[in-house]
N, C-alpha and C. Protein backbone atom coordinates (compact mmCIF):
# COMPACT_ATOMS: atom_id res chain seq x y z
N MET A 1 -88.32 -32.03 -64.41
CA MET A 1 -88.71 -32.92 -63.15
C MET A 1 -89.16 -31.94 -62.47
N GLU A 2 -90.65 -32.19 -61.91
CA GLU A 2 -91.00 -31.34 -60.90
C GLU A 2 -90.25 -31.27 -59.67
N THR A 3 -89.98 -32.45 -59.07
CA THR A 3 -89.32 -32.65 -57.62
C THR A 3 -88.15 -31.86 -57.68
N ALA A 4 -87.42 -31.82 -58.80
CA ALA A 4 -86.05 -31.00 -58.82
C ALA A 4 -85.94 -29.59 -58.89
N LYS A 5 -87.30 -29.14 -59.30
CA LYS A 5 -87.16 -27.53 -59.34
C LYS A 5 -86.89 -26.72 -58.04
N PRO A 6 -87.40 -27.05 -57.07
CA PRO A 6 -87.07 -26.51 -55.80
C PRO A 6 -85.25 -26.12 -55.63
N LEU A 7 -84.66 -27.46 -55.79
CA LEU A 7 -83.43 -27.54 -55.65
C LEU A 7 -82.69 -26.79 -56.95
N ALA A 8 -83.34 -26.70 -57.91
CA ALA A 8 -82.64 -26.06 -59.34
C ALA A 8 -82.81 -24.64 -58.92
N ARG A 9 -84.03 -24.19 -58.56
CA ARG A 9 -83.95 -22.70 -57.94
C ARG A 9 -83.03 -22.13 -57.08
N ALA A 10 -82.88 -23.04 -55.98
CA ALA A 10 -81.76 -22.67 -55.19
C ALA A 10 -80.42 -22.65 -55.56
N GLY A 11 -80.08 -23.44 -56.61
CA GLY A 11 -78.98 -24.02 -57.47
C GLY A 11 -78.59 -22.37 -58.44
N TYR A 12 -79.75 -22.17 -58.90
CA TYR A 12 -79.57 -21.01 -59.72
C TYR A 12 -79.35 -19.64 -58.95
N LEU A 13 -79.72 -19.66 -57.76
CA LEU A 13 -79.32 -18.64 -57.10
C LEU A 13 -77.86 -18.65 -56.51
N LEU A 14 -77.49 -19.80 -56.17
CA LEU A 14 -76.04 -20.09 -55.77
C LEU A 14 -75.04 -19.82 -56.98
N ALA A 15 -75.57 -20.17 -58.01
CA ALA A 15 -74.80 -19.93 -59.40
C ALA A 15 -74.79 -18.27 -59.55
N ALA A 16 -75.77 -17.65 -59.49
CA ALA A 16 -75.81 -16.09 -59.44
C ALA A 16 -74.77 -15.65 -58.59
N ALA A 17 -74.96 -16.02 -57.35
CA ALA A 17 -74.07 -15.47 -56.29
C ALA A 17 -72.44 -15.69 -56.93
N LEU A 18 -72.47 -16.96 -57.41
CA LEU A 18 -70.75 -16.98 -57.77
C LEU A 18 -70.38 -16.62 -58.69
N VAL A 19 -71.25 -15.89 -59.73
CA VAL A 19 -71.06 -14.99 -60.85
C VAL A 19 -70.88 -13.61 -60.56
N ILE A 20 -72.06 -13.16 -59.76
CA ILE A 20 -72.09 -11.67 -59.61
C ILE A 20 -71.18 -11.33 -58.35
N ILE A 21 -71.01 -11.80 -57.24
CA ILE A 21 -70.52 -11.47 -55.92
C ILE A 21 -68.66 -11.12 -56.41
N PRO A 22 -67.96 -12.15 -56.91
CA PRO A 22 -66.79 -12.00 -57.07
C PRO A 22 -66.27 -10.82 -58.16
N ILE A 23 -67.09 -10.85 -59.04
CA ILE A 23 -66.84 -9.91 -60.12
C ILE A 23 -67.16 -8.45 -59.35
N ALA A 24 -68.11 -8.28 -58.76
CA ALA A 24 -68.47 -6.92 -57.87
C ALA A 24 -67.40 -6.66 -57.11
N ASP A 25 -67.19 -7.47 -56.10
CA ASP A 25 -65.97 -7.50 -55.25
C ASP A 25 -64.83 -6.86 -56.03
N SER A 26 -64.16 -7.31 -56.93
CA SER A 26 -63.21 -6.87 -57.72
C SER A 26 -63.47 -5.55 -58.62
N ALA A 27 -64.68 -5.34 -58.80
CA ALA A 27 -64.80 -4.40 -60.08
C ALA A 27 -65.19 -2.91 -59.16
N LEU A 28 -65.90 -2.98 -58.03
CA LEU A 28 -66.20 -1.91 -57.39
C LEU A 28 -65.24 -0.90 -57.04
N PRO A 29 -63.92 -1.39 -56.41
CA PRO A 29 -62.91 -0.65 -56.00
C PRO A 29 -62.13 -0.03 -57.30
N LEU A 30 -62.39 -0.61 -58.38
CA LEU A 30 -61.90 0.38 -59.40
C LEU A 30 -62.84 1.30 -60.31
N LEU A 31 -63.68 1.74 -59.60
CA LEU A 31 -64.43 3.04 -59.63
C LEU A 31 -63.72 4.32 -59.17
N PRO A 32 -63.80 5.35 -59.98
CA PRO A 32 -64.61 5.53 -61.40
C PRO A 32 -63.90 5.03 -62.05
N LEU A 33 -64.50 4.70 -63.58
CA LEU A 33 -64.16 4.32 -64.65
C LEU A 33 -63.08 5.21 -65.33
N GLN A 34 -61.94 5.13 -65.86
CA GLN A 34 -61.18 5.71 -66.41
C GLN A 34 -60.57 5.12 -67.88
N LEU A 35 -61.68 4.88 -68.84
CA LEU A 35 -61.45 4.39 -69.76
C LEU A 35 -60.55 4.83 -70.79
N THR A 36 -59.99 6.16 -70.85
CA THR A 36 -59.16 6.68 -71.45
C THR A 36 -57.81 6.60 -70.99
N ASP A 37 -57.56 5.99 -69.91
CA ASP A 37 -56.17 5.77 -69.23
C ASP A 37 -55.72 4.40 -69.60
N ALA A 38 -54.74 4.19 -70.61
CA ALA A 38 -54.04 2.90 -70.88
C ALA A 38 -53.55 2.10 -69.47
N ARG A 39 -52.86 2.99 -68.71
CA ARG A 39 -52.58 2.36 -67.58
C ARG A 39 -53.72 1.61 -66.54
N TRP A 40 -54.79 2.35 -66.46
CA TRP A 40 -55.89 2.16 -65.83
C TRP A 40 -56.50 0.46 -66.46
N ARG A 41 -56.84 0.70 -67.59
CA ARG A 41 -57.42 -0.49 -68.62
C ARG A 41 -56.82 -1.56 -68.11
N TRP A 42 -55.30 -1.25 -68.58
CA TRP A 42 -54.39 -2.51 -68.19
C TRP A 42 -54.50 -3.42 -66.69
N GLY A 43 -54.42 -2.25 -65.95
CA GLY A 43 -54.64 -2.97 -64.40
C GLY A 43 -55.93 -3.70 -64.28
N VAL A 44 -56.81 -2.94 -64.88
CA VAL A 44 -58.20 -3.63 -64.78
C VAL A 44 -58.51 -5.01 -65.05
N VAL A 45 -58.06 -5.15 -66.42
CA VAL A 45 -58.18 -6.57 -67.11
C VAL A 45 -57.28 -7.45 -66.25
N GLY A 46 -55.98 -6.77 -65.96
CA GLY A 46 -55.12 -7.95 -65.17
C GLY A 46 -55.86 -8.45 -63.89
N GLN A 47 -56.38 -7.27 -63.15
CA GLN A 47 -56.82 -7.80 -61.87
C GLN A 47 -58.29 -8.75 -62.07
N LEU A 48 -59.22 -8.44 -63.09
CA LEU A 48 -60.15 -8.93 -63.29
C LEU A 48 -59.99 -10.47 -63.62
N SER A 49 -58.83 -10.58 -64.22
CA SER A 49 -58.37 -12.31 -64.63
C SER A 49 -58.26 -13.14 -63.54
N ASN A 50 -58.10 -12.33 -62.37
CA ASN A 50 -58.04 -13.09 -61.15
C ASN A 50 -59.18 -13.85 -60.39
N VAL A 51 -60.11 -13.31 -61.02
CA VAL A 51 -61.48 -13.44 -60.08
C VAL A 51 -62.30 -14.59 -61.34
N THR A 52 -61.97 -14.96 -62.54
CA THR A 52 -62.89 -15.63 -63.36
C THR A 52 -63.12 -17.04 -63.06
N LEU A 53 -62.42 -17.73 -62.34
CA LEU A 53 -62.58 -19.12 -62.02
C LEU A 53 -63.95 -19.32 -61.27
N VAL A 54 -64.27 -18.65 -60.18
CA VAL A 54 -65.23 -18.86 -59.39
C VAL A 54 -66.73 -18.37 -60.18
N PRO A 55 -66.78 -17.02 -61.07
CA PRO A 55 -67.76 -16.97 -61.94
C PRO A 55 -67.93 -18.34 -63.01
N LEU A 56 -66.85 -18.77 -63.72
CA LEU A 56 -67.19 -19.90 -64.48
C LEU A 56 -67.79 -20.86 -63.73
N LEU A 57 -67.31 -21.44 -62.72
CA LEU A 57 -67.92 -22.39 -61.81
C LEU A 57 -69.45 -22.07 -61.78
N GLY A 58 -69.82 -20.98 -61.32
CA GLY A 58 -71.33 -20.53 -61.37
C GLY A 58 -72.03 -20.69 -62.86
N LEU A 59 -71.30 -20.35 -63.45
CA LEU A 59 -72.09 -20.73 -64.95
C LEU A 59 -72.17 -22.17 -65.31
N LEU A 60 -71.16 -22.67 -64.94
CA LEU A 60 -70.99 -24.14 -65.26
C LEU A 60 -72.26 -24.84 -64.31
N LEU A 61 -72.39 -24.59 -63.12
CA LEU A 61 -73.28 -25.15 -62.32
C LEU A 61 -74.89 -24.73 -62.90
N ALA A 62 -74.93 -23.36 -63.36
CA ALA A 62 -76.34 -22.92 -63.96
C ALA A 62 -76.62 -23.91 -65.32
N VAL A 63 -75.53 -24.12 -66.08
CA VAL A 63 -76.03 -24.74 -67.39
C VAL A 63 -76.16 -26.54 -66.86
N ALA A 64 -75.29 -26.94 -65.95
CA ALA A 64 -75.67 -28.04 -65.60
C ALA A 64 -77.37 -28.30 -64.88
N LEU A 65 -77.60 -27.32 -64.13
CA LEU A 65 -78.89 -27.55 -63.47
C LEU A 65 -79.91 -27.45 -64.58
N ALA A 66 -79.83 -26.51 -65.54
CA ALA A 66 -80.69 -26.34 -66.54
C ALA A 66 -80.63 -27.59 -67.69
N ALA A 67 -79.56 -28.36 -67.66
CA ALA A 67 -79.55 -29.50 -68.45
C ALA A 67 -80.29 -30.77 -67.58
N LEU A 68 -80.13 -30.76 -66.25
CA LEU A 68 -80.70 -31.70 -65.35
C LEU A 68 -82.11 -31.48 -65.29
N THR A 69 -82.56 -30.30 -65.35
CA THR A 69 -84.15 -29.98 -65.14
C THR A 69 -84.61 -29.97 -66.66
N ASP A 70 -83.95 -30.13 -67.72
CA ASP A 70 -84.49 -30.34 -69.13
C ASP A 70 -85.23 -28.88 -69.35
N SER A 71 -84.47 -27.82 -68.90
CA SER A 71 -84.97 -26.36 -69.11
C SER A 71 -84.55 -26.02 -70.32
N ARG A 72 -84.56 -26.13 -71.30
CA ARG A 72 -84.11 -25.61 -72.64
C ARG A 72 -84.09 -24.02 -72.92
N ARG A 73 -85.05 -23.31 -72.16
CA ARG A 73 -85.08 -21.90 -72.11
C ARG A 73 -83.83 -21.32 -71.19
N ILE A 74 -83.97 -21.84 -70.21
CA ILE A 74 -82.86 -20.97 -69.30
C ILE A 74 -81.60 -21.53 -69.77
N ARG A 75 -81.31 -22.90 -70.36
CA ARG A 75 -80.04 -23.17 -70.81
C ARG A 75 -79.48 -22.37 -71.90
N ARG A 76 -80.55 -22.08 -72.71
CA ARG A 76 -80.28 -20.95 -73.77
C ARG A 76 -79.93 -19.48 -73.48
N VAL A 77 -80.57 -19.07 -72.17
CA VAL A 77 -80.34 -17.91 -71.67
C VAL A 77 -79.07 -17.90 -71.10
N ILE A 78 -78.68 -19.08 -70.32
CA ILE A 78 -77.31 -19.20 -70.09
C ILE A 78 -76.36 -19.15 -71.05
N GLY A 79 -76.56 -19.71 -71.89
CA GLY A 79 -75.68 -19.83 -73.11
C GLY A 79 -75.44 -18.54 -73.76
N ALA A 80 -76.35 -17.83 -73.74
CA ALA A 80 -76.13 -16.67 -74.48
C ALA A 80 -75.45 -15.63 -73.43
N ILE A 81 -75.73 -15.64 -72.26
CA ILE A 81 -74.84 -14.88 -71.21
C ILE A 81 -73.54 -15.15 -71.27
N CYS A 82 -73.12 -16.78 -71.28
CA CYS A 82 -71.71 -17.24 -71.54
C CYS A 82 -71.10 -16.34 -73.19
N GLY A 83 -71.95 -16.28 -73.75
CA GLY A 83 -71.35 -16.12 -75.19
C GLY A 83 -70.92 -14.64 -75.07
N ILE A 84 -72.13 -13.96 -74.51
CA ILE A 84 -71.67 -12.35 -74.30
C ILE A 84 -70.40 -11.88 -73.59
N PHE A 85 -70.51 -12.92 -72.42
CA PHE A 85 -69.11 -12.65 -71.49
C PHE A 85 -67.88 -13.17 -72.53
N ALA A 86 -68.22 -14.16 -73.10
CA ALA A 86 -66.68 -14.47 -73.96
C ALA A 86 -66.51 -13.32 -74.97
N LEU A 87 -67.47 -12.75 -75.47
CA LEU A 87 -67.24 -11.67 -76.46
C LEU A 87 -66.46 -10.59 -75.71
N ILE A 88 -66.96 -9.94 -74.50
CA ILE A 88 -66.65 -8.96 -73.66
C ILE A 88 -65.11 -9.14 -73.41
N LEU A 89 -65.01 -10.67 -72.81
CA LEU A 89 -63.49 -10.59 -72.16
C LEU A 89 -62.42 -10.97 -73.58
N ALA A 90 -63.08 -11.23 -74.70
CA ALA A 90 -62.28 -11.32 -75.78
C ALA A 90 -61.61 -10.08 -76.13
N VAL A 91 -62.68 -8.88 -76.35
CA VAL A 91 -62.46 -7.57 -76.83
C VAL A 91 -61.50 -6.92 -75.34
N MET A 92 -61.84 -7.14 -74.24
CA MET A 92 -60.89 -6.63 -73.26
C MET A 92 -59.61 -7.22 -73.16
N THR A 93 -59.34 -8.44 -73.49
CA THR A 93 -58.11 -9.02 -73.88
C THR A 93 -57.21 -8.53 -75.06
N VAL A 94 -57.93 -8.23 -76.09
CA VAL A 94 -57.28 -7.59 -77.29
C VAL A 94 -56.57 -6.46 -76.60
N PHE A 95 -57.74 -5.52 -76.09
CA PHE A 95 -57.18 -4.29 -75.48
C PHE A 95 -56.05 -4.10 -74.34
N PHE A 96 -55.93 -5.34 -73.54
CA PHE A 96 -55.22 -5.84 -72.64
C PHE A 96 -53.73 -5.78 -73.27
N VAL A 97 -53.56 -6.50 -74.35
CA VAL A 97 -52.50 -6.60 -75.17
C VAL A 97 -52.02 -5.39 -75.52
N ILE A 98 -52.72 -4.57 -76.57
CA ILE A 98 -52.75 -3.21 -76.71
C ILE A 98 -52.04 -2.31 -75.75
N ASP A 99 -52.81 -2.30 -74.73
CA ASP A 99 -52.34 -1.51 -73.30
C ASP A 99 -50.93 -1.90 -72.88
N TYR A 100 -50.32 -3.14 -72.78
CA TYR A 100 -49.16 -3.34 -72.13
C TYR A 100 -48.16 -2.83 -72.95
N PHE A 101 -48.23 -2.77 -74.26
CA PHE A 101 -47.06 -2.26 -74.94
C PHE A 101 -47.25 -0.83 -74.87
N HIS A 102 -48.14 -0.19 -74.49
CA HIS A 102 -48.21 1.25 -74.29
C HIS A 102 -47.59 1.48 -72.72
N VAL A 103 -48.10 0.66 -71.80
CA VAL A 103 -47.66 0.82 -70.26
C VAL A 103 -46.39 0.47 -70.18
N ARG A 104 -45.84 -0.45 -70.97
CA ARG A 104 -44.63 -1.05 -70.77
C ARG A 104 -43.50 0.19 -70.88
N THR A 105 -43.61 1.02 -71.89
CA THR A 105 -42.62 2.18 -72.00
C THR A 105 -42.59 3.01 -70.35
N LEU A 106 -43.68 2.91 -69.56
CA LEU A 106 -43.75 3.91 -68.68
C LEU A 106 -42.96 3.07 -67.24
N VAL A 107 -42.76 1.51 -67.08
CA VAL A 107 -42.06 1.12 -66.16
C VAL A 107 -40.81 1.08 -66.53
N LYS A 108 -40.05 1.10 -65.03
CA LYS A 108 -38.54 1.14 -64.86
C LYS A 108 -38.30 -0.22 -65.53
N PRO A 109 -37.12 0.03 -66.37
CA PRO A 109 -36.26 -1.16 -66.87
C PRO A 109 -36.13 -2.46 -66.20
N GLN A 110 -35.84 -2.26 -64.76
CA GLN A 110 -35.67 -3.45 -63.84
C GLN A 110 -36.85 -4.07 -63.42
N LEU A 111 -38.07 -3.34 -63.88
CA LEU A 111 -39.41 -4.02 -63.53
C LEU A 111 -40.21 -4.69 -64.67
N GLU A 112 -39.66 -4.34 -65.97
CA GLU A 112 -40.33 -4.76 -66.99
C GLU A 112 -40.49 -6.41 -67.49
N HIS A 113 -39.41 -7.16 -66.89
CA HIS A 113 -39.57 -8.44 -66.72
C HIS A 113 -40.60 -9.03 -65.89
N ASN A 114 -40.87 -8.24 -64.70
CA ASN A 114 -42.14 -8.77 -63.91
C ASN A 114 -43.52 -8.56 -64.50
N MET A 115 -43.44 -7.29 -65.34
CA MET A 115 -44.69 -6.95 -65.74
C MET A 115 -45.15 -7.96 -66.76
N ALA A 116 -43.85 -8.26 -67.71
CA ALA A 116 -44.07 -9.40 -68.73
C ALA A 116 -44.63 -10.62 -68.29
N ILE A 117 -44.08 -10.99 -67.11
CA ILE A 117 -44.58 -12.30 -66.63
C ILE A 117 -46.00 -12.13 -66.19
N ALA A 118 -46.51 -10.87 -65.35
CA ALA A 118 -47.69 -11.00 -64.82
C ALA A 118 -48.79 -10.73 -66.15
N SER A 119 -48.26 -10.07 -67.07
CA SER A 119 -49.16 -9.81 -68.20
C SER A 119 -49.42 -11.11 -69.17
N SER A 120 -48.73 -11.89 -69.35
CA SER A 120 -48.48 -13.10 -69.60
C SER A 120 -49.57 -14.13 -68.96
N VAL A 121 -49.34 -14.20 -67.68
CA VAL A 121 -50.29 -15.04 -66.86
C VAL A 121 -51.81 -14.36 -67.05
N ALA A 122 -52.00 -13.30 -66.69
CA ALA A 122 -53.20 -12.59 -66.99
C ALA A 122 -54.05 -12.87 -68.56
N PHE A 123 -52.93 -12.95 -69.50
CA PHE A 123 -53.58 -13.28 -70.79
C PHE A 123 -53.84 -14.93 -70.81
N VAL A 124 -53.12 -15.66 -70.44
CA VAL A 124 -53.44 -17.01 -70.38
C VAL A 124 -54.63 -17.40 -69.47
N LYS A 125 -54.77 -16.72 -68.49
CA LYS A 125 -56.01 -16.86 -67.76
C LYS A 125 -57.42 -16.38 -68.70
N ASN A 126 -57.23 -15.15 -69.37
CA ASN A 126 -58.44 -14.88 -69.93
C ASN A 126 -58.34 -15.56 -71.15
N LEU A 127 -57.50 -16.02 -71.65
CA LEU A 127 -57.74 -17.07 -73.19
C LEU A 127 -58.03 -18.29 -72.41
N LEU A 128 -58.00 -18.91 -71.53
CA LEU A 128 -58.53 -19.86 -70.89
C LEU A 128 -60.19 -19.61 -70.59
N SER A 129 -60.16 -18.39 -69.96
CA SER A 129 -61.73 -18.25 -69.58
C SER A 129 -62.64 -18.15 -70.82
N ILE A 130 -62.11 -17.59 -71.93
CA ILE A 130 -62.86 -17.06 -73.13
C ILE A 130 -63.10 -18.50 -73.70
N ILE A 131 -62.25 -19.41 -73.61
CA ILE A 131 -62.34 -20.93 -74.23
C ILE A 131 -63.57 -21.41 -73.37
N THR A 132 -63.42 -21.62 -72.06
CA THR A 132 -64.50 -21.99 -71.46
C THR A 132 -65.72 -21.44 -71.55
N LEU A 133 -65.97 -20.06 -71.60
CA LEU A 133 -67.33 -19.55 -72.07
C LEU A 133 -68.00 -20.00 -73.00
N SER A 134 -66.68 -19.96 -74.20
CA SER A 134 -67.51 -20.47 -75.80
C SER A 134 -68.10 -21.88 -75.46
N LEU A 135 -67.31 -22.59 -74.49
CA LEU A 135 -67.81 -24.06 -74.65
C LEU A 135 -68.82 -24.11 -73.67
N LEU A 136 -69.21 -23.42 -72.84
CA LEU A 136 -70.39 -23.25 -72.06
C LEU A 136 -71.60 -22.85 -72.81
N CYS A 137 -71.47 -21.69 -73.62
CA CYS A 137 -72.50 -21.12 -74.82
C CYS A 137 -72.73 -22.30 -75.65
N ARG A 138 -72.10 -22.97 -76.01
CA ARG A 138 -72.27 -24.04 -77.06
C ARG A 138 -72.93 -25.26 -76.30
N ALA A 139 -72.73 -25.18 -75.17
CA ALA A 139 -73.45 -26.15 -74.19
C ALA A 139 -74.83 -25.80 -73.95
N GLY A 140 -74.91 -24.75 -73.78
CA GLY A 140 -76.33 -23.88 -73.55
C GLY A 140 -77.10 -24.04 -74.73
N PHE A 141 -76.81 -24.05 -75.91
CA PHE A 141 -77.64 -24.01 -77.01
C PHE A 141 -77.56 -25.38 -77.66
N SER A 142 -76.67 -26.29 -77.42
CA SER A 142 -76.91 -27.70 -77.93
C SER A 142 -76.20 -28.67 -77.01
N GLY A 143 -76.18 -28.17 -75.69
CA GLY A 143 -75.49 -29.11 -74.82
C GLY A 143 -76.26 -30.62 -74.53
N PRO A 144 -75.68 -31.19 -73.27
CA PRO A 144 -75.89 -32.56 -73.10
C PRO A 144 -77.48 -32.19 -72.36
N THR A 145 -78.28 -33.10 -72.69
CA THR A 145 -79.48 -33.56 -71.59
C THR A 145 -79.19 -34.20 -70.33
N LEU A 146 -79.04 -33.78 -69.41
CA LEU A 146 -78.88 -34.71 -68.34
C LEU A 146 -80.10 -34.89 -67.55
N SER A 147 -81.05 -34.99 -68.27
CA SER A 147 -82.52 -35.31 -67.62
C SER A 147 -82.50 -36.26 -66.63
N ALA A 148 -83.35 -35.87 -65.35
CA ALA A 148 -83.28 -36.68 -64.45
C ALA A 148 -84.70 -37.17 -64.26
N VAL A 149 -85.43 -36.82 -65.33
CA VAL A 149 -86.84 -37.47 -65.77
C VAL A 149 -86.92 -39.10 -65.88
N PRO A 150 -87.48 -39.66 -64.98
CA PRO A 150 -87.61 -41.34 -65.08
C PRO A 150 -87.83 -41.41 -66.63
N SER A 151 -87.30 -42.59 -66.98
CA SER A 151 -87.53 -43.14 -68.33
C SER A 151 -88.98 -43.73 -68.87
N GLN A 152 -89.64 -43.91 -67.82
CA GLN A 152 -91.05 -44.28 -67.93
C GLN A 152 -91.96 -42.78 -68.73
N SER A 153 -91.28 -41.75 -67.89
CA SER A 153 -92.23 -40.56 -68.72
C SER A 153 -91.66 -40.11 -69.97
N ARG A 154 -90.44 -40.61 -70.43
CA ARG A 154 -90.01 -40.09 -71.49
C ARG A 154 -90.27 -41.04 -72.78
N SER A 155 -90.09 -42.25 -72.73
CA SER A 155 -90.43 -42.97 -73.58
C SER A 155 -91.25 -44.34 -73.17
N PRO A 156 -91.94 -44.89 -74.02
CA PRO A 156 -92.42 -46.40 -73.58
C PRO A 156 -91.58 -47.13 -73.57
N VAL A 157 -91.53 -48.22 -72.62
CA VAL A 157 -90.60 -49.56 -72.12
C VAL A 157 -91.39 -50.55 -72.77
N SER A 158 -90.71 -51.38 -73.39
CA SER A 158 -91.29 -52.44 -73.98
C SER A 158 -91.10 -53.73 -72.72
N PRO A 159 -92.25 -54.63 -72.77
CA PRO A 159 -92.32 -55.62 -71.62
C PRO A 159 -90.94 -56.22 -71.46
N ALA A 160 -90.32 -56.82 -72.73
CA ALA A 160 -88.96 -57.38 -72.77
C ALA A 160 -87.94 -56.80 -72.27
N SER A 161 -87.76 -55.53 -72.17
CA SER A 161 -86.77 -54.79 -71.68
C SER A 161 -86.88 -54.38 -70.15
N ARG A 162 -87.84 -54.70 -69.54
CA ARG A 162 -88.07 -54.43 -68.06
C ARG A 162 -87.36 -55.55 -67.46
N SER A 163 -87.09 -56.85 -68.25
CA SER A 163 -86.41 -57.90 -67.17
C SER A 163 -85.00 -57.55 -66.90
N PRO A 164 -84.34 -57.76 -65.90
CA PRO A 164 -83.04 -57.71 -65.60
C PRO A 164 -82.13 -58.44 -66.37
N LEU A 165 -82.62 -59.65 -67.04
CA LEU A 165 -81.44 -60.44 -67.55
C LEU A 165 -81.96 -60.39 -69.09
N VAL A 166 -80.87 -59.99 -69.55
CA VAL A 166 -80.82 -59.83 -71.23
C VAL A 166 -81.29 -60.82 -72.12
N GLY A 167 -82.03 -60.71 -73.12
CA GLY A 167 -82.69 -61.77 -73.71
C GLY A 167 -83.88 -62.39 -73.52
N VAL A 168 -84.16 -62.14 -71.87
CA VAL A 168 -85.40 -63.01 -71.54
C VAL A 168 -86.42 -62.08 -71.36
N SER A 169 -87.59 -62.46 -72.00
CA SER A 169 -88.79 -61.89 -71.87
C SER A 169 -89.68 -61.98 -70.40
N SER A 170 -90.40 -61.00 -69.92
CA SER A 170 -91.08 -61.07 -68.73
C SER A 170 -92.49 -61.73 -68.98
N LYS A 171 -92.75 -62.71 -70.10
CA LYS A 171 -93.67 -63.59 -70.10
C LYS A 171 -93.81 -64.65 -69.14
């Protein structure tokens, strides 16, 4: 729908900001990358699990806007982005669990319980994020059409269906 496009553009910009800014705010202090250090990887994935909710809201907003404006191409692009994010997060979560068992041996015995709780919470957050991203990916490729296009421009309306009364023709 043409009248919704300016609103959709603003919505896409807001959605991009909701995705990019929280991730950048959390990831930039973690530089330089230390991919060979299990402690660093475990801490990064645990910390990034705390910021997934806002980017998920941004992606949901983007998919909803694409469905509302009936932009199949944009919806598929956003669906592909969600699928890629889901795969990346799934791989990161697998490494997070493996790194937990390596890092656990380096922690003082009195802190192991706290570490197990923090790791479990991060794992559940990541798992819920993976499921949500997968559902958004699916919605991007086969999702709902919430078209705001008036019904007159989508399909012809018979004269009998224009009447507010059921079963009464407008003759």
